Amino acid sequence: MRRKRFWIFLALTLGLFQAGYFQCPASDGKTPKITKEELKPMLGNPDVIIIDVRLDTDWEKSDSKIKGAVREDPEGDVQAWAEKYSKSKTIVFY
């Protein structure tokens, strides 16, 4: 019985993904993306702000952090911390 419920849940979840009910905000097609290779030459540039928006648990467990990146809580008041950064700068979220 548990196995049957699992497969029903999985099928419904995949169906909702396919229908577009769950989407990653950055995959809207309007948000430009860059690779880590493209980011490397931007490190240290005062006109570039790198914001680490990983969840707390992911951030704490990670050995990889970009030097100079600013840490912001994506589950916090995004509007409040977004207003701290100049719109004239290039902002990179990761």
PDB file of N, CA and C in Angstrom:
ATOM      1  N   MET A   1       0.819  -1.200   0.000  1.00  0.00           N
ATOM      2  CA  MET A   1       0.000   0.000   0.000  1.00  0.00           C
ATOM      3  C   MET A   1       0.872   1.277   0.000  1.00  0.00           C
ATOM      4  N   ARG A   2       1.943   1.278   0.813  1.00  0.00           N
ATOM      5  CA  ARG A   2       2.829   2.439   0.852  1.00  0.00           C
ATOM      6  C   ARG A   2       3.475   2.680  -0.501  1.00  0.00           C
ATOM      7  N   ARG A   3       3.871   1.610  -1.124  1.00  0.00           N
ATOM      8  CA  ARG A   3       4.529   1.716  -2.428  1.00  0.00           C
ATOM      9  C   ARG A   3       3.573   2.323  -3.454  1.00  0.00           C
ATOM     10  N   LYS A   4       2.335   1.914  -3.424  1.00  0.00           N
ATOM     11  CA  LYS A   4       1.343   2.439  -4.360  1.00  0.00           C
ATOM     12  C   LYS A   4       1.136   3.938  -4.123  1.00  0.00           C
ATOM     13  N   ARG A   5       1.056   4.359  -2.858  1.00  0.00           N
ATOM     14  CA  ARG A   5       0.886   5.780  -2.547  1.00  0.00           C
ATOM     15  C   ARG A   5       2.097   6.590  -3.009  1.00  0.00           C
ATOM     16  N   PHE A   6       3.280   6.012  -2.840  1.00  0.00           N
ATOM     17  CA  PHE A   6       4.489   6.691  -3.296  1.00  0.00           C
ATOM     18  C   PHE A   6       4.432   6.953  -4.792  1.00  0.00           C
ATOM     19  N   TRP A   7       4.070   5.959  -5.579  1.00  0.00           N
ATOM     20  CA  TRP A   7       4.034   6.113  -7.027  1.00  0.00           C
ATOM     21  C   TRP A   7       2.944   7.087  -7.458  1.00  0.00           C
ATOM     22  N   ILE A   8       1.834   7.098  -6.746  1.00  0.00           N
ATOM     23  CA  ILE A   8       0.766   8.061  -7.053  1.00  0.00           C
ATOM     24  C   ILE A   8       1.272   9.479  -6.762  1.00  0.00           C
ATOM     25  N   PHE A   9       1.919   9.653  -5.600  1.00  0.00           N
ATOM     26  CA  PHE A   9       2.479  10.952  -5.235  1.00  0.00           C
ATOM     27  C   PHE A   9       3.508  11.413  -6.266  1.00  0.00           C
ATOM     28  N   LEU A  10       4.388  10.501  -6.649  1.00  0.00           N
ATOM     29  CA  LEU A  10       5.425  10.833  -7.626  1.00  0.00           C
ATOM     30  C   LEU A  10       4.809  11.236  -8.968  1.00  0.00           C
ATOM     31  N   ALA A  11       3.813  10.490  -9.415  1.00  0.00           N
ATOM     32  CA  ALA A  11       3.164  10.802 -10.688  1.00  0.00           C
ATOM     33  C   ALA A  11       2.469  12.160 -10.633  1.00  0.00           C
ATOM     34  N   LEU A  12       1.798  12.460  -9.522  1.00  0.00           N
ATOM     35  CA  LEU A  12       1.131  13.762  -9.381  1.00  0.00           C
ATOM     36  C   LEU A  12       2.146  14.900  -9.348  1.00  0.00           C
ATOM     37  N   THR A  13       3.232  14.708  -8.616  1.00  0.00           N
ATOM     38  CA  THR A  13       4.260  15.744  -8.531  1.00  0.00           C
ATOM     39  C   THR A  13       4.889  16.009  -9.891  1.00  0.00           C
ATOM     40  N   LEU A  14       5.237  14.956 -10.602  1.00  0.00           N
ATOM     41  CA  LEU A  14       5.816  15.134 -11.941  1.00  0.00           C
ATOM     42  C   LEU A  14       4.822  15.793 -12.887  1.00  0.00           C
ATOM     43  N   GLY A  15       3.555  15.437 -12.749  1.00  0.00           N
ATOM     44  CA  GLY A  15       2.525  16.070 -13.573  1.00  0.00           C
ATOM     45  C   GLY A  15       2.412  17.558 -13.302  1.00  0.00           C
ATOM     46  N   LEU A  16       2.512  17.945 -12.021  1.00  0.00           N
ATOM     47  CA  LEU A  16       2.459  19.369 -11.672  1.00  0.00           C
ATOM     48  C   LEU A  16       3.677  20.123 -12.194  1.00  0.00           C
ATOM     49  N   PHE A  17       4.845  19.493 -12.133  1.00  0.00           N
ATOM     50  CA  PHE A  17       6.027  20.110 -12.720  1.00  0.00           C
ATOM     51  C   PHE A  17       5.836  20.325 -14.215  1.00  0.00           C
ATOM     52  N   GLN A  18       5.357  19.301 -14.868  1.00  0.00           N
ATOM     53  CA  GLN A  18       5.172  19.386 -16.315  1.00  0.00           C
ATOM     54  C   GLN A  18       4.138  20.449 -16.669  1.00  0.00           C
ATOM     55  N   ALA A  19       3.122  20.591 -15.842  1.00  0.00           N
ATOM     56  CA  ALA A  19       2.084  21.585 -16.099  1.00  0.00           C
ATOM     57  C   ALA A  19       2.557  23.003 -15.763  1.00  0.00           C
ATOM     58  N   GLY A  20       3.700  23.109 -15.086  1.00  0.00           N
ATOM     59  CA  GLY A  20       4.242  24.435 -14.786  1.00  0.00           C
ATOM     60  C   GLY A  20       3.830  24.998 -13.453  1.00  0.00           C
ATOM     61  N   TYR A  21       3.273  24.177 -12.563  1.00  0.00           N
ATOM     62  CA  TYR A  21       2.872  24.677 -11.257  1.00  0.00           C
ATOM     63  C   TYR A  21       4.065  24.954 -10.362  1.00  0.00           C
ATOM     64  N   PHE A  22       5.135  24.191 -10.514  1.00  0.00           N
ATOM     65  CA  PHE A  22       6.352  24.406  -9.751  1.00  0.00           C
ATOM     66  C   PHE A  22       7.420  24.847 -10.736  1.00  0.00           C
ATOM     67  N   GLN A  23       7.978  26.020 -10.485  1.00  0.00           N
ATOM     68  CA  GLN A  23       9.032  26.510 -11.367  1.00  0.00           C
ATOM     69  C   GLN A  23      10.093  27.208 -10.543  1.00  0.00           C
ATOM     70  N   CYS A  24      11.289  27.143 -11.009  1.00  0.00           N
ATOM     71  CA  CYS A  24      12.388  27.885 -10.408  1.00  0.00           C
ATOM     72  C   CYS A  24      12.293  29.325 -10.925  1.00  0.00           C
ATOM     73  N   PRO A  25      12.236  30.333 -10.034  1.00  0.00           N
ATOM     74  CA  PRO A  25      12.100  31.716 -10.500  1.00  0.00           C
ATOM     75  C   PRO A  25      13.174  32.129 -11.484  1.00  0.00           C
ATOM     76  N   ALA A  26      14.387  31.628 -11.343  1.00  0.00           N
ATOM     77  CA  ALA A  26      15.465  32.027 -12.247  1.00  0.00           C
ATOM     78  C   ALA A  26      15.355  31.370 -13.619  1.00  0.00           C
ATOM     79  N   SER A  27      14.415  30.457 -13.784  1.00  0.00           N
ATOM     80  CA  SER A  27      14.279  29.793 -15.077  1.00  0.00           C
ATOM     81  C   SER A  27      13.158  30.413 -15.910  1.00  0.00           C
ATOM     82  N   ASP A  28      12.834  31.659 -15.630  1.00  0.00           N
ATOM     83  CA  ASP A  28      11.754  32.317 -16.357  1.00  0.00           C
ATOM     84  C   ASP A  28      12.138  32.717 -17.774  1.00  0.00           C
ATOM     85  N   GLY A  29      13.402  32.519 -18.138  1.00  0.00           N
ATOM     86  CA  GLY A  29      13.856  32.862 -19.474  1.00  0.00           C
ATOM     87  C   GLY A  29      14.261  34.323 -19.611  1.00  0.00           C
ATOM     88  N   LYS A  30      13.931  35.151 -18.628  1.00  0.00           N
ATOM     89  CA  LYS A  30      14.261  36.571 -18.670  1.00  0.00           C
ATOM     90  C   LYS A  30      15.496  36.884 -17.830  1.00  0.00           C
ATOM     91  N   THR A  31      15.817  36.010 -16.903  1.00  0.00           N
ATOM     92  CA  THR A  31      16.939  36.234 -16.010  1.00  0.00           C
ATOM     93  C   THR A  31      18.207  35.675 -16.642  1.00  0.00           C
ATOM     94  N   PRO A  32      19.187  36.534 -16.899  1.00  0.00           N
ATOM     95  CA  PRO A  32      20.426  36.023 -17.512  1.00  0.00           C
ATOM     96  C   PRO A  32      21.179  35.125 -16.532  1.00  0.00           C
ATOM     97  N   LYS A  33      21.830  34.134 -17.059  1.00  0.00           N
ATOM     98  CA  LYS A  33      22.622  33.214 -16.256  1.00  0.00           C
ATOM     99  C   LYS A  33      24.058  33.266 -16.737  1.00  0.00           C
ATOM    100  N   ILE A  34      24.984  33.021 -15.797  1.00  0.00           N
ATOM    101  CA  ILE A  34      26.390  32.956 -16.151  1.00  0.00           C
ATOM    102  C   ILE A  34      26.993  31.701 -15.533  1.00  0.00           C
ATOM    103  N   THR A  35      28.083  31.272 -16.089  1.00  0.00           N
ATOM    104  CA  THR A  35      28.794  30.117 -15.561  1.00  0.00           C
ATOM    105  C   THR A  35      29.831  30.594 -14.544  1.00  0.00           C
ATOM    106  N   LYS A  36      30.389  29.663 -13.793  1.00  0.00           N
ATOM    107  CA  LYS A  36      31.433  30.050 -12.840  1.00  0.00           C
ATOM    108  C   LYS A  36      32.664  30.566 -13.556  1.00  0.00           C
ATOM    109  N   GLU A  37      32.899  30.081 -14.771  1.00  0.00           N
ATOM    110  CA  GLU A  37      34.028  30.583 -15.550  1.00  0.00           C
ATOM    111  C   GLU A  37      33.813  32.039 -15.950  1.00  0.00           C
ATOM    112  N   GLU A  38      32.580  32.401 -16.244  1.00  0.00           N
ATOM    113  CA  GLU A  38      32.261  33.791 -16.591  1.00  0.00           C
ATOM    114  C   GLU A  38      32.311  34.693 -15.360  1.00  0.00           C
ATOM    115  N   LEU A  39      32.046  34.119 -14.195  1.00  0.00           N
ATOM    116  CA  LEU A  39      32.049  34.899 -12.955  1.00  0.00           C
ATOM    117  C   LEU A  39      33.465  35.194 -12.463  1.00  0.00           C
ATOM    118  N   LYS A  40      34.381  34.273 -12.666  1.00  0.00           N
ATOM    119  CA  LYS A  40      35.745  34.419 -12.126  1.00  0.00           C
ATOM    120  C   LYS A  40      36.379  35.769 -12.422  1.00  0.00           C
ATOM    121  N   PRO A  41      36.361  36.262 -13.660  1.00  0.00           N
ATOM    122  CA  PRO A  41      36.997  37.570 -13.904  1.00  0.00           C
ATOM    123  C   PRO A  41      36.258  38.737 -13.251  1.00  0.00           C
ATOM    124  N   MET A  42      35.049  38.518 -12.790  1.00  0.00           N
ATOM    125  CA  MET A  42      34.272  39.578 -12.161  1.00  0.00           C
ATOM    126  C   MET A  42      34.579  39.708 -10.666  1.00  0.00           C
ATOM    127  N   LEU A  43      35.221  38.684 -10.092  1.00  0.00           N
ATOM    128  CA  LEU A  43      35.522  38.694  -8.665  1.00  0.00           C
ATOM    129  C   LEU A  43      36.420  39.873  -8.327  1.00  0.00           C
ATOM    130  N   GLY A  44      36.087  40.581  -7.267  1.00  0.00           N
ATOM    131  CA  GLY A  44      36.883  41.734  -6.846  1.00  0.00           C
ATOM    132  C   GLY A  44      36.489  43.034  -7.516  1.00  0.00           C
ATOM    133  N   ASN A  45      35.634  42.986  -8.518  1.00  0.00           N
ATOM    134  CA  ASN A  45      35.179  44.194  -9.205  1.00  0.00           C
ATOM    135  C   ASN A  45      34.199  44.934  -8.287  1.00  0.00           C
ATOM    136  N   PRO A  46      34.458  46.199  -7.957  1.00  0.00           N
ATOM    137  CA  PRO A  46      33.566  46.930  -7.048  1.00  0.00           C
ATOM    138  C   PRO A  46      32.175  47.188  -7.631  1.00  0.00           C
ATOM    139  N   ASP A  47      32.016  47.017  -8.933  1.00  0.00           N
ATOM    140  CA  ASP A  47      30.707  47.211  -9.548  1.00  0.00           C
ATOM    141  C   ASP A  47      29.883  45.924  -9.593  1.00  0.00           C
ATOM    142  N   VAL A  48      30.413  44.850  -9.002  1.00  0.00           N
ATOM    143  CA  VAL A  48      29.721  43.564  -8.980  1.00  0.00           C
ATOM    144  C   VAL A  48      29.485  43.156  -7.529  1.00  0.00           C
ATOM    145  N   ILE A  49      28.241  42.854  -7.211  1.00  0.00           N
ATOM    146  CA  ILE A  49      27.881  42.366  -5.881  1.00  0.00           C
ATOM    147  C   ILE A  49      27.444  40.918  -6.039  1.00  0.00           C
ATOM    148  N   ILE A  50      28.108  40.037  -5.301  1.00  0.00           N
ATOM    149  CA  ILE A  50      27.763  38.618  -5.351  1.00  0.00           C
ATOM    150  C   ILE A  50      27.012  38.292  -4.068  1.00  0.00           C
ATOM    151  N   ILE A  51      25.793  37.791  -4.219  1.00  0.00           N
ATOM    152  CA  ILE A  51      24.943  37.500  -3.071  1.00  0.00           C
ATOM    153  C   ILE A  51      24.682  35.995  -3.002  1.00  0.00           C
ATOM    154  N   ASP A  52      25.050  35.416  -1.871  1.00  0.00           N
ATOM    155  CA  ASP A  52      24.840  33.994  -1.613  1.00  0.00           C
ATOM    156  C   ASP A  52      23.452  33.836  -1.005  1.00  0.00           C
ATOM    157  N   VAL A  53      22.553  33.225  -1.738  1.00  0.00           N
ATOM    158  CA  VAL A  53      21.166  33.072  -1.273  1.00  0.00           C
ATOM    159  C   VAL A  53      20.800  31.605  -1.007  1.00  0.00           C
ATOM    160  N   ARG A  54      21.823  30.808  -0.687  1.00  0.00           N
ATOM    161  CA  ARG A  54      21.530  29.417  -0.348  1.00  0.00           C
ATOM    162  C   ARG A  54      20.802  29.352   0.990  1.00  0.00           C
ATOM    163  N   LEU A  55      20.007  28.325   1.162  1.00  0.00           N
ATOM    164  CA  LEU A  55      19.329  28.115   2.434  1.00  0.00           C
ATOM    165  C   LEU A  55      20.359  27.946   3.537  1.00  0.00           C
ATOM    166  N   ASP A  56      19.994  28.297   4.768  1.00  0.00           N
ATOM    167  CA  ASP A  56      20.924  28.248   5.894  1.00  0.00           C
ATOM    168  C   ASP A  56      21.634  26.905   6.003  1.00  0.00           C
ATOM    169  N   THR A  57      20.890  25.823   5.930  1.00  0.00           N
ATOM    170  CA  THR A  57      21.501  24.501   6.099  1.00  0.00           C
ATOM    171  C   THR A  57      22.506  24.208   4.986  1.00  0.00           C
ATOM    172  N   ASP A  58      22.167  24.585   3.765  1.00  0.00           N
ATOM    173  CA  ASP A  58      23.087  24.373   2.646  1.00  0.00           C
ATOM    174  C   ASP A  58      24.338  25.231   2.790  1.00  0.00           C
ATOM    175  N   TRP A  59      24.158  26.465   3.225  1.00  0.00           N
ATOM    176  CA  TRP A  59      25.284  27.382   3.390  1.00  0.00           C
ATOM    177  C   TRP A  59      26.216  26.900   4.498  1.00  0.00           C
ATOM    178  N   GLU A  60      25.632  26.465   5.625  1.00  0.00           N
ATOM    179  CA  GLU A  60      26.433  26.008   6.763  1.00  0.00           C
ATOM    180  C   GLU A  60      27.213  24.740   6.435  1.00  0.00           C
ATOM    181  N   LYS A  61      26.645  23.833   5.663  1.00  0.00           N
ATOM    182  CA  LYS A  61      27.300  22.572   5.326  1.00  0.00           C
ATOM    183  C   LYS A  61      28.360  22.724   4.239  1.00  0.00           C
ATOM    184  N   SER A  62      28.298  23.803   3.500  1.00  0.00           N
ATOM    185  CA  SER A  62      29.159  23.960   2.334  1.00  0.00           C
ATOM    186  C   SER A  62      30.594  24.344   2.699  1.00  0.00           C
ATOM    187  N   ASP A  63      31.533  23.711   2.010  1.00  0.00           N
ATOM    188  CA  ASP A  63      32.938  24.088   2.121  1.00  0.00           C
ATOM    189  C   ASP A  63      33.287  25.143   1.069  1.00  0.00           C
ATOM    190  N   SER A  64      32.380  25.349   0.118  1.00  0.00           N
ATOM    191  CA  SER A  64      32.625  26.271  -0.989  1.00  0.00           C
ATOM    192  C   SER A  64      31.844  27.562  -0.783  1.00  0.00           C
ATOM    193  N   LYS A  65      32.588  28.620  -0.568  1.00  0.00           N
ATOM    194  CA  LYS A  65      31.977  29.942  -0.436  1.00  0.00           C
ATOM    195  C   LYS A  65      32.829  30.910  -1.255  1.00  0.00           C
ATOM    196  N   ILE A  66      32.167  31.807  -1.944  1.00  0.00           N
ATOM    197  CA  ILE A  66      32.884  32.775  -2.774  1.00  0.00           C
ATOM    198  C   ILE A  66      33.387  33.906  -1.876  1.00  0.00           C
ATOM    199  N   LYS A  67      34.695  34.138  -1.920  1.00  0.00           N
ATOM    200  CA  LYS A  67      35.295  35.192  -1.117  1.00  0.00           C
ATOM    201  C   LYS A  67      34.718  36.546  -1.536  1.00  0.00           C
ATOM    202  N   GLY A  68      34.242  37.298  -0.556  1.00  0.00           N
ATOM    203  CA  GLY A  68      33.674  38.613  -0.827  1.00  0.00           C
ATOM    204  C   GLY A  68      32.177  38.599  -1.081  1.00  0.00           C
ATOM    205  N   ALA A  69      31.588  37.414  -1.155  1.00  0.00           N
ATOM    206  CA  ALA A  69      30.138  37.332  -1.375  1.00  0.00           C
ATOM    207  C   ALA A  69      29.408  37.755  -0.105  1.00  0.00           C
ATOM    208  N   VAL A  70      28.256  38.338  -0.290  1.00  0.00           N
ATOM    209  CA  VAL A  70      27.404  38.762   0.808  1.00  0.00           C
ATOM    210  C   VAL A  70      26.372  37.667   1.042  1.00  0.00           C
ATOM    211  N   ARG A  71      26.137  37.322   2.280  1.00  0.00           N
ATOM    212  CA  ARG A  71      25.159  36.284   2.612  1.00  0.00           C
ATOM    213  C   ARG A  71      23.827  36.929   2.941  1.00  0.00           C
ATOM    214  N   GLU A  72      22.770  36.510   2.252  1.00  0.00           N
ATOM    215  CA  GLU A  72      21.413  36.981   2.530  1.00  0.00           C
ATOM    216  C   GLU A  72      20.498  35.773   2.636  1.00  0.00           C
ATOM    217  N   ASP A  73      19.530  35.855   3.531  1.00  0.00           N
ATOM    218  CA  ASP A  73      18.594  34.758   3.766  1.00  0.00           C
ATOM    219  C   ASP A  73      17.461  34.817   2.743  1.00  0.00           C
ATOM    220  N   PRO A  74      17.349  33.816   1.867  1.00  0.00           N
ATOM    221  CA  PRO A  74      16.297  33.846   0.855  1.00  0.00           C
ATOM    222  C   PRO A  74      14.905  33.643   1.436  1.00  0.00           C
ATOM    223  N   GLU A  75      14.842  33.170   2.670  1.00  0.00           N
ATOM    224  CA  GLU A  75      13.544  32.975   3.310  1.00  0.00           C
ATOM    225  C   GLU A  75      13.150  34.165   4.183  1.00  0.00           C
ATOM    226  N   GLY A  76      14.050  35.153   4.261  1.00  0.00           N
ATOM    227  CA  GLY A  76      13.785  36.344   5.050  1.00  0.00           C
ATOM    228  C   GLY A  76      13.018  37.381   4.228  1.00  0.00           C
ATOM    229  N   ASP A  77      13.105  38.610   4.655  1.00  0.00           N
ATOM    230  CA  ASP A  77      12.423  39.716   3.967  1.00  0.00           C
ATOM    231  C   ASP A  77      13.269  40.143   2.773  1.00  0.00           C
ATOM    232  N   VAL A  78      13.030  39.505   1.651  1.00  0.00           N
ATOM    233  CA  VAL A  78      13.823  39.741   0.441  1.00  0.00           C
ATOM    234  C   VAL A  78      13.750  41.203   0.011  1.00  0.00           C
ATOM    235  N   GLN A  79      12.584  41.793   0.095  1.00  0.00           N
ATOM    236  CA  GLN A  79      12.430  43.200  -0.310  1.00  0.00           C
ATOM    237  C   GLN A  79      13.334  44.105   0.524  1.00  0.00           C
ATOM    238  N   ALA A  80      13.412  43.849   1.811  1.00  0.00           N
ATOM    239  CA  ALA A  80      14.229  44.690   2.700  1.00  0.00           C
ATOM    240  C   ALA A  80      15.704  44.587   2.356  1.00  0.00           C
ATOM    241  N   TRP A  81      16.217  43.374   2.175  1.00  0.00           N
ATOM    242  CA  TRP A  81      17.646  43.286   1.865  1.00  0.00           C
ATOM    243  C   TRP A  81      17.948  43.635   0.426  1.00  0.00           C
ATOM    244  N   ALA A  82      16.992  43.494  -0.466  1.00  0.00           N
ATOM    245  CA  ALA A  82      17.232  43.860  -1.868  1.00  0.00           C
ATOM    246  C   ALA A  82      17.412  45.369  -2.017  1.00  0.00           C
ATOM    247  N   GLU A  83      16.747  46.126  -1.170  1.00  0.00           N
ATOM    248  CA  GLU A  83      16.838  47.581  -1.235  1.00  0.00           C
ATOM    249  C   GLU A  83      18.192  48.108  -0.775  1.00  0.00           C
ATOM    250  N   LYS A  84      19.001  47.262  -0.133  1.00  0.00           N
ATOM    251  CA  LYS A  84      20.325  47.681   0.333  1.00  0.00           C
ATOM    252  C   LYS A  84      21.329  47.821  -0.802  1.00  0.00           C
ATOM    253  N   TYR A  85      21.036  47.217  -1.941  1.00  0.00           N
ATOM    254  CA  TYR A  85      22.010  47.149  -3.023  1.00  0.00           C
ATOM    255  C   TYR A  85      21.647  48.093  -4.161  1.00  0.00           C
ATOM    256  N   SER A  86      22.657  48.764  -4.670  1.00  0.00           N
ATOM    257  CA  SER A  86      22.468  49.731  -5.746  1.00  0.00           C
ATOM    258  C   SER A  86      22.032  49.033  -7.031  1.00  0.00           C
ATOM    259  N   LYS A  87      21.053  49.617  -7.677  1.00  0.00           N
ATOM    260  CA  LYS A  87      20.572  49.069  -8.949  1.00  0.00           C
ATOM    261  C   LYS A  87      21.547  49.370 -10.095  1.00  0.00           C
ATOM    262  N   SER A  88      22.514  50.217  -9.836  1.00  0.00           N
ATOM    263  CA  SER A  88      23.498  50.527 -10.871  1.00  0.00           C
ATOM    264  C   SER A  88      24.637  49.502 -10.919  1.00  0.00           C
ATOM    265  N   LYS A  89      24.661  48.599  -9.952  1.00  0.00           N
ATOM    266  CA  LYS A  89      25.703  47.555  -9.915  1.00  0.00           C
ATOM    267  C   LYS A  89      25.175  46.271 -10.535  1.00  0.00           C
ATOM    268  N   THR A  90      26.100  45.420 -10.938  1.00  0.00           N
ATOM    269  CA  THR A  90      25.739  44.097 -11.406  1.00  0.00           C
ATOM    270  C   THR A  90      25.604  43.204 -10.194  1.00  0.00           C
ATOM    271  N   ILE A  91      24.456  42.576 -10.053  1.00  0.00           N
ATOM    272  CA  ILE A  91      24.201  41.711  -8.895  1.00  0.00           C
ATOM    273  C   ILE A  91      24.119  40.274  -9.382  1.00  0.00           C
ATOM    274  N   VAL A  92      24.931  39.420  -8.749  1.00  0.00           N
ATOM    275  CA  VAL A  92      24.955  38.006  -9.088  1.00  0.00           C
ATOM    276  C   VAL A  92      24.458  37.229  -7.877  1.00  0.00           C
ATOM    277  N   PHE A  93      23.435  36.411  -8.071  1.00  0.00           N
ATOM    278  CA  PHE A  93      22.905  35.565  -6.998  1.00  0.00           C
ATOM    279  C   PHE A  93      23.375  34.147  -7.206  1.00  0.00           C
ATOM    280  N   TYR A  94      23.777  33.508  -6.123  1.00  0.00           N
ATOM    281  CA  TYR A  94      24.076  32.081  -6.203  1.00  0.00           C
ATOM    282  C   TYR A  94      23.687  31.417  -4.920  1.00  0.00           C
TER     283      TYR A  94
END
